[in-house]
C-alpha atoms as a PDB file:
ATOM      1  CA  UNK A   1       0.000   0.000   0.000  1.00  0.00           C
ATOM      2  CA  UNK A   2       1.290   3.470  -0.803  1.00  0.00           C
ATOM      3  CA  UNK A   3       2.744   5.382   2.137  1.00  0.00           C
ATOM      4  CA  UNK A   4       0.434   8.292   2.906  1.00  0.00           C
ATOM      5  CA  UNK A   5       1.579   9.123   6.419  1.00  0.00           C
ATOM      6  CA  UNK A   6       2.909  12.626   6.928  1.00  0.00           C
ATOM      7  CA  UNK A   7       5.239  12.834   9.946  1.00  0.00           C
ATOM      8  CA  UNK A   8       3.230  11.207  12.747  1.00  0.00           C
ATOM      9  CA  UNK A   9      -0.176  11.630  11.120  1.00  0.00           C
ATOM     10  CA  UNK A  10      -2.236   8.842   9.671  1.00  0.00           C
ATOM     11  CA  UNK A  11      -4.603   8.986   6.738  1.00  0.00           C
ATOM     12  CA  UNK A  12      -8.334   8.677   6.104  1.00  0.00           C
ATOM     13  CA  UNK A  13      -9.234   6.627   3.037  1.00  0.00           C
ATOM     14  CA  UNK A  14     -12.685   6.921   1.478  1.00  0.00           C
ATOM     15  CA  UNK A  15     -13.209   3.553  -0.199  1.00  0.00           C
ATOM     16  CA  UNK A  16     -15.869   2.646  -2.762  1.00  0.00           C
ATOM     17  CA  UNK A  17     -17.256  -0.883  -2.469  1.00  0.00           C
ATOM     18  CA  UNK A  18     -19.493  -2.923  -4.819  1.00  0.00           C
ATOM     19  CA  UNK A  19     -23.138  -1.911  -5.284  1.00  0.00           C
ATOM     20  CA  UNK A  20     -24.047  -5.548  -5.864  1.00  0.00           C
ATOM     21  CA  UNK A  21     -21.591  -7.787  -7.675  1.00  0.00           C
ATOM     22  CA  UNK A  22     -18.722  -8.629  -5.297  1.00  0.00           C
ATOM     23  CA  UNK A  23     -16.191  -8.794  -8.155  1.00  0.00           C
ATOM     24  CA  UNK A  24     -16.584  -5.050  -8.751  1.00  0.00           C
ATOM     25  CA  UNK A  25     -14.220  -4.108  -5.924  1.00  0.00           C
ATOM     26  CA  UNK A  26     -10.802  -2.874  -7.055  1.00  0.00           C
ATOM     27  CA  UNK A  27      -7.445  -4.437  -6.198  1.00  0.00           C
ATOM     28  CA  UNK A  28      -6.414  -1.161  -4.620  1.00  0.00           C
ATOM     29  CA  UNK A  29      -9.507  -1.069  -2.415  1.00  0.00           C
ATOM     30  CA  UNK A  30      -8.820  -4.573  -1.081  1.00  0.00           C
ATOM     31  CA  UNK A  31      -5.186  -3.680  -0.415  1.00  0.00           C
ATOM     32  CA  UNK A  32      -6.112  -0.517   1.470  1.00  0.00           C
ATOM     33  CA  UNK A  33      -8.820  -2.214   3.530  1.00  0.00           C
ATOM     34  CA  UNK A  34      -6.423  -4.988   4.571  1.00  0.00           C
ATOM     35  CA  UNK A  35      -3.671  -2.550   5.549  1.00  0.00           C
ATOM     36  CA  UNK A  36      -5.658  -0.023   7.587  1.00  0.00           C
ATOM     37  CA  UNK A  37      -5.844   0.000  11.363  1.00  0.00           C
ATOM     38  CA  UNK A  38      -9.625   0.409  11.411  1.00  0.00           C
ATOM     39  CA  UNK A  39     -12.521   0.319   8.925  1.00  0.00           C
ATOM     40  CA  UNK A  40     -15.523   2.557   9.574  1.00  0.00           C
ATOM     41  CA  UNK A  41     -18.700   0.918   8.248  1.00  0.00           C
ATOM     42  CA  UNK A  42     -22.258   2.130   7.873  1.00  0.00           C
ATOM     43  CA  UNK A  43     -23.360  -1.353   9.013  1.00  0.00           C
ATOM     44  CA  UNK A  44     -20.632  -3.766  10.163  1.00  0.00           C
ATOM     45  CA  UNK A  45     -22.900  -6.794   9.661  1.00  0.00           C
ATOM     46  CA  UNK A  46     -23.429  -5.883   6.032  1.00  0.00           C
ATOM     47  CA  UNK A  47     -19.766  -5.123   5.356  1.00  0.00           C
ATOM     48  CA  UNK A  48     -18.541  -8.348   6.964  1.00  0.00           C
ATOM     49  CA  UNK A  49     -20.000 -10.385   4.101  1.00  0.00           C
ATOM     50  CA  UNK A  50     -17.836  -8.522   1.586  1.00  0.00           C
ATOM     51  CA  UNK A  51     -14.744  -8.550   3.790  1.00  0.00           C
ATOM     52  CA  UNK A  52     -14.974 -12.285   4.466  1.00  0.00           C
ATOM     53  CA  UNK A  53     -15.050 -12.889   0.706  1.00  0.00           C
ATOM     54  CA  UNK A  54     -11.676 -11.123   0.379  1.00  0.00           C
ATOM     55  CA  UNK A  55     -10.141 -12.269   3.699  1.00  0.00           C
ATOM     56  CA  UNK A  56     -10.091  -8.730   5.073  1.00  0.00           C
ATOM     57  CA  UNK A  57      -9.588  -9.065   8.831  1.00  0.00           C
ATOM     58  CA  UNK A  58      -9.130  -5.415   9.785  1.00  0.00           C
ATOM     59  CA  UNK A  59     -11.134  -4.373  12.893  1.00  0.00           C
ATOM     60  CA  UNK A  60     -14.491  -2.726  12.154  1.00  0.00           C
ATOM     61  CA  UNK A  61     -16.464   0.047  13.800  1.00  0.00           C
ATOM     62  CA  UNK A  62     -19.911   1.410  12.977  1.00  0.00           C
ATOM     63  CA  UNK A  63     -20.208   4.990  11.757  1.00  0.00           C
ATOM     64  CA  UNK A  64     -23.751   5.934  10.824  1.00  0.00           C
ATOM     65  CA  UNK A  65     -26.196   8.829  10.890  1.00  0.00           C
ATOM     66  CA  UNK A  66     -27.002   8.306  14.582  1.00  0.00           C
ATOM     67  CA  UNK A  67     -23.457   8.350  15.973  1.00  0.00           C
ATOM     68  CA  UNK A  68     -21.175  10.210  13.538  1.00  0.00           C
ATOM     69  CA  UNK A  69     -21.533  13.523  15.406  1.00  0.00           C
ATOM     70  CA  UNK A  70     -20.503  11.861  18.674  1.00  0.00           C
ATOM     71  CA  UNK A  71     -17.534   9.780  17.513  1.00  0.00           C
ATOM     72  CA  UNK A  72     -15.982  11.739  14.617  1.00  0.00           C
ATOM     73  CA  UNK A  73     -13.805  13.965  16.829  1.00  0.00           C
ATOM     74  CA  UNK A  74     -12.267  10.968  18.592  1.00  0.00           C
ATOM     75  CA  UNK A  75     -11.614   9.194  15.292  1.00  0.00           C
ATOM     76  CA  UNK A  76      -9.830  12.250  13.888  1.00  0.00           C
ATOM     77  CA  UNK A  77      -7.634  12.425  16.975  1.00  0.00           C
ATOM     78  CA  UNK A  78      -6.635   8.789  16.464  1.00  0.00           C
ATOM     79  CA  UNK A  79      -5.762   9.459  12.809  1.00  0.00           C
ATOM     80  CA  UNK A  80      -3.674  12.484  13.814  1.00  0.00           C
ATOM     81  CA  UNK A  81      -1.890  10.212  16.272  1.00  0.00           C
ATOM     82  CA  UNK A  82      -0.819   7.930  13.420  1.00  0.00           C
ATOM     83  CA  UNK A  83      -3.613   5.456  12.654  1.00  0.00           C
ATOM     84  CA  UNK A  84      -4.823   4.825   9.108  1.00  0.00           C
ATOM     85  CA  UNK A  85      -8.577   4.436   8.747  1.00  0.00           C
ATOM     86  CA  UNK A  86     -10.921   3.594   5.884  1.00  0.00           C
ATOM     87  CA  UNK A  87     -14.503   4.775   5.488  1.00  0.00           C
ATOM     88  CA  UNK A  88     -16.962   2.576   3.574  1.00  0.00           C
ATOM     89  CA  UNK A  89     -20.731   2.651   3.091  1.00  0.00           C
ATOM     90  CA  UNK A  90     -23.031  -0.330   2.678  1.00  0.00           C
ATOM     91  CA  UNK A  91     -22.625  -0.103  -1.101  1.00  0.00           C
ATOM     92  CA  UNK A  92     -20.968   2.148  -3.659  1.00  0.00           C
ATOM     93  CA  UNK A  93     -19.062   5.377  -3.064  1.00  0.00           C
ATOM     94  CA  UNK A  94     -19.364   6.808   0.473  1.00  0.00           C
ATOM     95  CA  UNK A  95     -21.203  10.099   1.086  1.00  0.00           C
ATOM     96  CA  UNK A  96     -23.096  10.073  -2.244  1.00  0.00           C
ATOM     97  CA  UNK A  97     -26.238   9.256  -0.281  1.00  0.00           C
ATOM     98  CA  UNK A  98     -24.755   7.899   2.929  1.00  0.00           C
ATOM     99  CA  UNK A  99     -23.320   8.972   6.325  1.00  0.00           C
ATOM    100  CA  UNK A 100     -19.786  10.314   6.695  1.00  0.00           C
ATOM    101  CA  UNK A 101     -20.036  14.028   5.928  1.00  0.00           C
ATOM    102  CA  UNK A 102     -19.347  15.048   9.532  1.00  0.00           C
ATOM    103  CA  UNK A 103     -16.142  12.984   9.609  1.00  0.00           C
ATOM    104  CA  UNK A 104     -14.886  14.252   6.243  1.00  0.00           C
ATOM    105  CA  UNK A 105     -15.674  17.885   7.062  1.00  0.00           C
ATOM    106  CA  UNK A 106     -13.837  17.630  10.380  1.00  0.00           C
ATOM    107  CA  UNK A 107     -10.876  15.920   8.690  1.00  0.00           C
ATOM    108  CA  UNK A 108     -10.528  18.883   6.341  1.00  0.00           C
ATOM    109  CA  UNK A 109     -10.709  21.358   9.214  1.00  0.00           C
ATOM    110  CA  UNK A 110      -8.044  19.402  11.113  1.00  0.00           C
ATOM    111  CA  UNK A 111      -5.761  19.142   8.035  1.00  0.00           C
ATOM    112  CA  UNK A 112      -5.995  15.338   8.018  1.00  0.00           C
ATOM    113  CA  UNK A 113      -4.999  13.783   4.711  1.00  0.00           C
ATOM    114  CA  UNK A 114      -7.962  12.247   2.864  1.00  0.00           C
ATOM    115  CA  UNK A 115      -7.405   9.806  -0.004  1.00  0.00           C
ATOM    116  CA  UNK A 116     -10.266   8.693  -2.292  1.00  0.00           C
ATOM    117  CA  UNK A 117     -10.232   5.087  -3.495  1.00  0.00           C
ATOM    118  CA  UNK A 118     -12.661   5.279  -6.442  1.00  0.00           C
ATOM    119  CA  UNK A 119     -15.009   2.579  -7.582  1.00  0.00           C
ATOM    120  CA  UNK A 120     -18.698   1.777  -8.102  1.00  0.00           C
ATOM    121  CA  UNK A 121     -21.502   4.332  -7.914  1.00  0.00           C
ATOM    122  CA  UNK A 122     -25.132   3.511  -8.712  1.00  0.00           C
ATOM    123  CA  UNK A 123     -25.682   6.982 -10.179  1.00  0.00           C
ATOM    124  CA  UNK A 124     -22.800   6.767 -12.647  1.00  0.00           C
ATOM    125  CA  UNK A 125     -23.563   3.116 -13.416  1.00  0.00           C
ATOM    126  CA  UNK A 126     -27.069   3.993 -14.607  1.00  0.00           C
ATOM    127  CA  UNK A 127     -26.015   7.111 -16.516  1.00  0.00           C
ATOM    128  CA  UNK A 128     -23.414   5.105 -18.442  1.00  0.00           C
ATOM    129  CA  UNK A 129     -26.148   2.964 -20.028  1.00  0.00           C
ATOM    130  CA  UNK A 130     -29.190   5.271 -19.921  1.00  0.00           C
ATOM    131  CA  UNK A 131     -28.811   6.767 -23.375  1.00  0.00           C
ATOM    132  CA  UNK A 132     -29.590  10.211 -21.961  1.00  0.00           C
ATOM    133  CA  UNK A 133     -27.516  13.409 -22.193  1.00  0.00           C
ATOM    134  CA  UNK A 134     -25.360  13.744 -19.078  1.00  0.00           C
ATOM    135  CA  UNK A 135     -23.798  17.177 -19.539  1.00  0.00           C
ATOM    136  CA  UNK A 136     -25.121  18.514 -17.274  1.00  0.00           C
ATOM    137  CA  UNK A 137     -26.930  16.220 -14.849  1.00  0.00           C
ATOM    138  CA  UNK A 138     -28.131  16.734 -11.280  1.00  0.00           C
ATOM    139  CA  UNK A 139     -28.298  14.046  -8.590  1.00  0.00           C
ATOM    140  CA  UNK A 140     -31.013  14.492  -5.941  1.00  0.00           C
ATOM    141  CA  UNK A 141     -30.547  11.460  -3.673  1.00  0.00           C
ATOM    142  CA  UNK A 142     -33.854  10.103  -2.348  1.00  0.00           C
ATOM    143  CA  UNK A 143     -36.791  12.287  -3.352  1.00  0.00           C
ATOM    144  CA  UNK A 144     -39.697  13.174  -0.996  1.00  0.00           C
ATOM    145  CA  UNK A 145     -41.692  10.097   0.103  1.00  0.00           C
ATOM    146  CA  UNK A 146     -45.109  11.781   0.330  1.00  0.00           C
ATOM    147  CA  UNK A 147     -47.185  12.280  -2.797  1.00  0.00           C
ATOM    148  CA  UNK A 148     -47.824  16.018  -2.475  1.00  0.00           C
ATOM    149  CA  UNK A 149     -44.160  16.845  -1.865  1.00  0.00           C
ATOM    150  CA  UNK A 150     -43.065  14.422  -4.593  1.00  0.00           C
ATOM    151  CA  UNK A 151     -45.283  16.121  -7.190  1.00  0.00           C
ATOM    152  CA  UNK A 152     -43.935  19.501  -6.103  1.00  0.00           C
ATOM    153  CA  UNK A 153     -40.393  18.136  -6.537  1.00  0.00           C
ATOM    154  CA  UNK A 154     -41.163  16.978 -10.081  1.00  0.00           C
ATOM    155  CA  UNK A 155     -42.799  20.288 -10.961  1.00  0.00           C
ATOM    156  CA  UNK A 156     -39.720  22.074  -9.662  1.00  0.00           C
ATOM    157  CA  UNK A 157     -37.623  20.373 -12.355  1.00  0.00           C
ATOM    158  CA  UNK A 158     -39.549  22.153 -15.115  1.00  0.00           C
ATOM    159  CA  UNK A 159     -38.528  23.246 -17.673  1.00  0.00           C
ATOM    160  CA  UNK A 160     -36.706  19.922 -18.060  1.00  0.00           C
ATOM    161  CA  UNK A 161     -33.484  21.165 -19.656  1.00  0.00           C
ATOM    162  CA  UNK A 162     -31.023  18.620 -18.231  1.00  0.00           C
ATOM    163  CA  UNK A 163     -30.930  15.073 -16.882  1.00  0.00           C
ATOM    164  CA  UNK A 164     -32.023  14.533 -13.271  1.00  0.00           C
ATOM    165  CA  UNK A 165     -31.141  11.385 -11.305  1.00  0.00           C
ATOM    166  CA  UNK A 166     -32.568  10.170  -8.024  1.00  0.00           C
ATOM    167  CA  UNK A 167     -33.063   7.079  -5.883  1.00  0.00           C
ATOM    168  CA  UNK A 168     -36.443   5.505  -5.178  1.00  0.00           C
ATOM    169  CA  UNK A 169     -37.492   2.692  -2.850  1.00  0.00           C
ATOM    170  CA  UNK A 170     -39.224  -0.524  -3.915  1.00  0.00           C
ATOM    171  CA  UNK A 171     -42.467   0.261  -2.070  1.00  0.00           C
ATOM    172  CA  UNK A 172     -42.786   3.703  -3.697  1.00  0.00           C
ATOM    173  CA  UNK A 173     -41.484   3.141  -7.225  1.00  0.00           C
ATOM    174  CA  UNK A 174     -44.903   2.671  -8.885  1.00  0.00           C
ATOM    175  CA  UNK A 175     -46.483   5.632  -7.069  1.00  0.00           C
ATOM    176  CA  UNK A 176     -43.478   7.737  -7.984  1.00  0.00           C
ATOM    177  CA  UNK A 177     -43.748   6.813 -11.668  1.00  0.00           C
ATOM    178  CA  UNK A 178     -47.486   7.582 -11.659  1.00  0.00           C
ATOM    179  CA  UNK A 179     -46.724  11.088 -10.369  1.00  0.00           C
ATOM    180  CA  UNK A 180     -43.868  11.426 -12.849  1.00  0.00           C
ATOM    181  CA  UNK A 181     -46.206  10.562 -15.732  1.00  0.00           C
ATOM    182  CA  UNK A 182     -48.730  13.147 -14.511  1.00  0.00           C
ATOM    183  CA  UNK A 183     -46.179  15.965 -14.445  1.00  0.00           C
ATOM    184  CA  UNK A 184     -44.090  15.315 -17.568  1.00  0.00           C
ATOM    185  CA  UNK A 185     -45.195  14.899 -21.175  1.00  0.00           C
ATOM    186  CA  UNK A 186     -44.694  11.974 -23.552  1.00  0.00           C
ATOM    187  CA  UNK A 187     -41.504  13.515 -24.956  1.00  0.00           C
ATOM    188  CA  UNK A 188     -39.767  13.071 -21.605  1.00  0.00           C
ATOM    189  CA  UNK A 189     -37.228  10.248 -21.561  1.00  0.00           C
ATOM    190  CA  UNK A 190     -36.976   8.010 -18.500  1.00  0.00           C
ATOM    191  CA  UNK A 191     -34.465   5.297 -17.631  1.00  0.00           C
ATOM    192  CA  UNK A 192     -34.803   3.187 -14.488  1.00  0.00           C
ATOM    193  CA  UNK A 193     -32.150   0.792 -13.208  1.00  0.00           C
ATOM    194  CA  UNK A 194     -33.285  -1.966 -10.843  1.00  0.00           C
ATOM    195  CA  UNK A 195     -30.825  -4.047  -8.806  1.00  0.00           C
ATOM    196  CA  UNK A 196     -27.850  -2.768 -10.810  1.00  0.00           C
ATOM    197  CA  UNK A 197     -24.956  -5.294 -11.100  1.00  0.00           C
ATOM    198  CA  UNK A 198     -26.984  -7.899  -9.188  1.00  0.00           C
ATOM    199  CA  UNK A 199     -28.522 -11.156 -10.381  1.00  0.00           C
ATOM    200  CA  UNK A 200     -31.914  -9.633 -11.227  1.00  0.00           C
ATOM    201  CA  UNK A 201     -30.571  -6.428 -12.776  1.00  0.00           C
ATOM    202  CA  UNK A 202     -32.980  -4.822 -15.215  1.00  0.00           C
ATOM    203  CA  UNK A 203     -32.969  -1.533 -17.096  1.00  0.00           C
ATOM    204  CA  UNK A 204     -36.242   0.040 -18.235  1.00  0.00           C
ATOM    205  CA  UNK A 205     -36.283   2.800 -20.828  1.00  0.00           C
ATOM    206  CA  UNK A 206     -38.950   4.861 -22.596  1.00  0.00           C
ATOM    207  CA  UNK A 207     -41.334   7.717 -21.903  1.00  0.00           C
ATOM    208  CA  UNK A 208     -42.997   7.985 -18.459  1.00  0.00           C
ATOM    209  CA  UNK A 209     -46.052   5.904 -19.403  1.00  0.00           C
ATOM    210  CA  UNK A 210     -43.992   3.141 -21.022  1.00  0.00           C
ATOM    211  CA  UNK A 211     -41.615   2.759 -18.079  1.00  0.00           C
ATOM    212  CA  UNK A 212     -44.470   2.833 -15.574  1.00  0.00           C
ATOM    213  CA  UNK A 213     -46.279   0.092 -17.525  1.00  0.00           C
ATOM    214  CA  UNK A 214     -43.155  -2.091 -17.662  1.00  0.00           C
ATOM    215  CA  UNK A 215     -42.598  -1.922 -13.909  1.00  0.00           C
ATOM    216  CA  UNK A 216     -46.269  -1.995 -12.913  1.00  0.00           C
ATOM    217  CA  UNK A 217     -46.975  -5.105 -15.018  1.00  0.00           C
ATOM    218  CA  UNK A 218     -45.110  -7.525 -12.758  1.00  0.00           C
ATOM    219  CA  UNK A 219     -44.751  -7.456  -8.977  1.00  0.00           C
ATOM    220  CA  UNK A 220     -41.243  -8.898  -9.363  1.00  0.00           C
ATOM    221  CA  UNK A 221     -40.234  -5.732 -11.229  1.00  0.00           C
ATOM    222  CA  UNK A 222     -41.094  -3.688  -8.138  1.00  0.00           C
ATOM    223  CA  UNK A 223     -38.572  -5.394  -5.846  1.00  0.00           C
ATOM    224  CA  UNK A 224     -35.045  -4.215  -5.126  1.00  0.00           C
ATOM    225  CA  UNK A 225     -33.199  -0.913  -5.311  1.00  0.00           C
ATOM    226  CA  UNK A 226     -33.989   1.662  -7.985  1.00  0.00           C
ATOM    227  CA  UNK A 227     -32.106   4.501  -9.670  1.00  0.00           C
ATOM    228  CA  UNK A 228     -34.209   6.775 -11.898  1.00  0.00           C
ATOM    229  CA  UNK A 229     -32.994   9.196 -14.583  1.00  0.00           C
ATOM    230  CA  UNK A 230     -35.292  11.721 -16.287  1.00  0.00           C
ATOM    231  CA  UNK A 231     -34.424  13.941 -19.219  1.00  0.00           C
ATOM    232  CA  UNK A 232     -36.146  16.245 -21.698  1.00  0.00           C
ATOM    233  CA  UNK A 233     -36.664  15.431 -25.348  1.00  0.00           C
ATOM    234  CA  UNK A 234     -33.362  15.075 -27.204  1.00  0.00           C
ATOM    235  CA  UNK A 235     -33.917  17.016 -30.432  1.00  0.00           C
ATOM    236  CA  UNK A 236     -31.787  19.356 -32.456  1.00  0.00           C
ATOM    237  CA  UNK A 237     -32.484  22.804 -31.021  1.00  0.00           C
ATOM    238  CA  UNK A 238     -31.762  26.292 -32.275  1.00  0.00           C
ATOM    239  CA  UNK A 239     -29.345  28.370 -30.265  1.00  0.00           C
ATOM    240  CA  UNK A 240     -31.402  31.567 -30.397  1.00  0.00           C
ATOM    241  CA  UNK A 241     -35.096  32.357 -30.605  1.00  0.00           C
ATOM    242  CA  UNK A 242     -36.176  33.602 -34.015  1.00  0.00           C
ATOM    243  CA  UNK A 243     -38.993  36.096 -34.554  1.00  0.00           C
ATOM    244  CA  UNK A 244     -41.667  33.454 -35.082  1.00  0.00           C
ATOM    245  CA  UNK A 245     -40.756  31.759 -31.782  1.00  0.00           C
ATOM    246  CA  UNK A 246     -40.843  35.071 -29.958  1.00  0.00           C
ATOM    247  CA  UNK A 247     -44.195  36.018 -31.508  1.00  0.00           C
ATOM    248  CA  UNK A 248     -45.755  32.690 -30.517  1.00  0.00           C
ATOM    249  CA  UNK A 249     -44.384  33.045 -26.992  1.00  0.00           C
ATOM    250  CA  UNK A 250     -45.827  36.548 -26.679  1.00  0.00           C
ATOM    251  CA  UNK A 251     -49.233  35.422 -27.978  1.00  0.00           C
ATOM    252  CA  UNK A 252     -49.375  32.602 -25.415  1.00  0.00           C
ATOM    253  CA  UNK A 253     -48.048  34.679 -22.529  1.00  0.00           C
ATOM    254  CA  UNK A 254     -51.449  36.078 -21.407  1.00  0.00           C
ATOM    255  CA  UNK A 255     -53.141  32.704 -21.910  1.00  0.00           C
ATOM    256  CA  UNK A 256     -50.877  30.215 -20.143  1.00  0.00           C
ATOM    257  CA  UNK A 257     -48.460  30.093 -17.186  1.00  0.00           C
ATOM    258  CA  UNK A 258     -44.851  30.734 -18.337  1.00  0.00           C
ATOM    259  CA  UNK A 259     -43.731  27.100 -17.970  1.00  0.00           C
ATOM    260  CA  UNK A 260     -46.654  25.759 -20.012  1.00  0.00           C
ATOM    261  CA  UNK A 261     -46.277  28.450 -22.661  1.00  0.00           C
ATOM    262  CA  UNK A 262     -42.552  27.690 -22.922  1.00  0.00           C
ATOM    263  CA  UNK A 263     -43.297  23.988 -23.388  1.00  0.00           C
ATOM    264  CA  UNK A 264     -45.762  24.688 -26.207  1.00  0.00           C
ATOM    265  CA  UNK A 265     -43.352  26.997 -28.046  1.00  0.00           C
ATOM    266  CA  UNK A 266     -40.405  24.625 -27.581  1.00  0.00           C
ATOM    267  CA  UNK A 267     -42.359  21.700 -29.016  1.00  0.00           C
ATOM    268  CA  UNK A 268     -43.913  23.652 -31.908  1.00  0.00           C
ATOM    269  CA  UNK A 269     -40.762  25.519 -32.965  1.00  0.00           C
ATOM    270  CA  UNK A 270     -38.152  22.988 -31.811  1.00  0.00           C
ATOM    271  CA  UNK A 271     -36.251  25.506 -29.711  1.00  0.00           C
ATOM    272  CA  UNK A 272     -34.805  25.365 -26.202  1.00  0.00           C
ATOM    273  CA  UNK A 273     -37.570  25.420 -23.590  1.00  0.00           C
ATOM    274  CA  UNK A 274     -35.413  27.223 -21.030  1.00  0.00           C
ATOM    275  CA  UNK A 275     -34.634  30.007 -23.517  1.00  0.00           C
ATOM    276  CA  UNK A 276     -38.340  30.445 -24.234  1.00  0.00           C
ATOM    277  CA  UNK A 277     -39.153  30.504 -20.535  1.00  0.00           C
ATOM    278  CA  UNK A 278     -36.481  33.133 -19.854  1.00  0.00           C
ATOM    279  CA  UNK A 279     -37.703  35.205 -22.801  1.00  0.00           C
ATOM    280  CA  UNK A 280     -41.302  35.164 -21.473  1.00  0.00           C
ATOM    281  CA  UNK A 281     -40.176  36.101 -17.972  1.00  0.00           C
ATOM    282  CA  UNK A 282     -38.044  38.949 -19.338  1.00  0.00           C
ATOM    283  CA  UNK A 283     -41.102  40.562 -20.923  1.00  0.00           C
ATOM    284  CA  UNK A 284     -42.622  41.402 -17.545  1.00  0.00           C
ATOM    285  CA  UNK A 285     -46.362  41.772 -16.909  1.00  0.00           C
END
C-alpha cells in the first residue's frame, strides 16, 4: 500500500465498495482495507459479508447517521496520532447518499490527509447505459416520500433542460412513476435501473407511461433498489429564438403560465424550452 503518512499523522481513506456484484471491488480497495488500522462501516454486519469474501480481517467500527456527530472527533484524533482508517458505506461510493459528511468535514478542518479510493456508484452506473444526455446532470438522492411533496419536486424540475437522477425505494417506485407521468409529457425520456450489477438487474427505458407500464406489469419488477434518470426530449435545437418563436411566446403569454407556454413553443418551434421561458419572464407583466 502506498505510504500516505505525513510525519506522525495517519490517513483517512474513502473507499468505494461494490453496489451488488462482489467482483466489482478494485485491487487497490482490497489492499487498502487490509492494511488499515480500522474500517468505519455504515453497518458492520453488512460489510462483513464482503470482507470475508476477500479475507479482510481489519477491525471494524460502525459509523452511521445516529453516531457520527458523537464519535468523529475521537476518530480524527486517532488518525492524527498515526492510525490509518478507511470509510466505507453499505454499497458504492461513500457520502453520495450515505453517512460520513461530519467525519470528512472535520478531517478537512483538522488538516488530516484524505485519499479517495474510487469505484462503483449507482448513479454513474445507470447514466453510463441510460442513453440520456449527461452534460449537465443533477443528482437528488432520495426524493420526498409523500405524494404532495413528490409532485412539487417533479414540478420544480420544469422546464426539463437537463438530466435529473434520483433514488427511489421498492415500495414507492410505482407511485413515484405515476406522479412522474402526470407531471411530464410523452416527450420526456426516463431510464430506471433496478438491482444494478446484481442477479436480477434490469434496465427500463422509454417515456414515463412506457416505463411505468413495464414496472407496474409484474410485482417482481417492483422489488429491489432503484435509480431513476429523467431527461427532456433530445432534439436538435436552435441556439437563439427567431422572430416566429418570440411572436408565438408573446401570444401565449397572457393565456398560459410561463412554464406551459414555454413547453408549447419549444415543441412547436423545436427551440430550447429554457430560452423560451427566460424570454417570457423577461417581458414582464
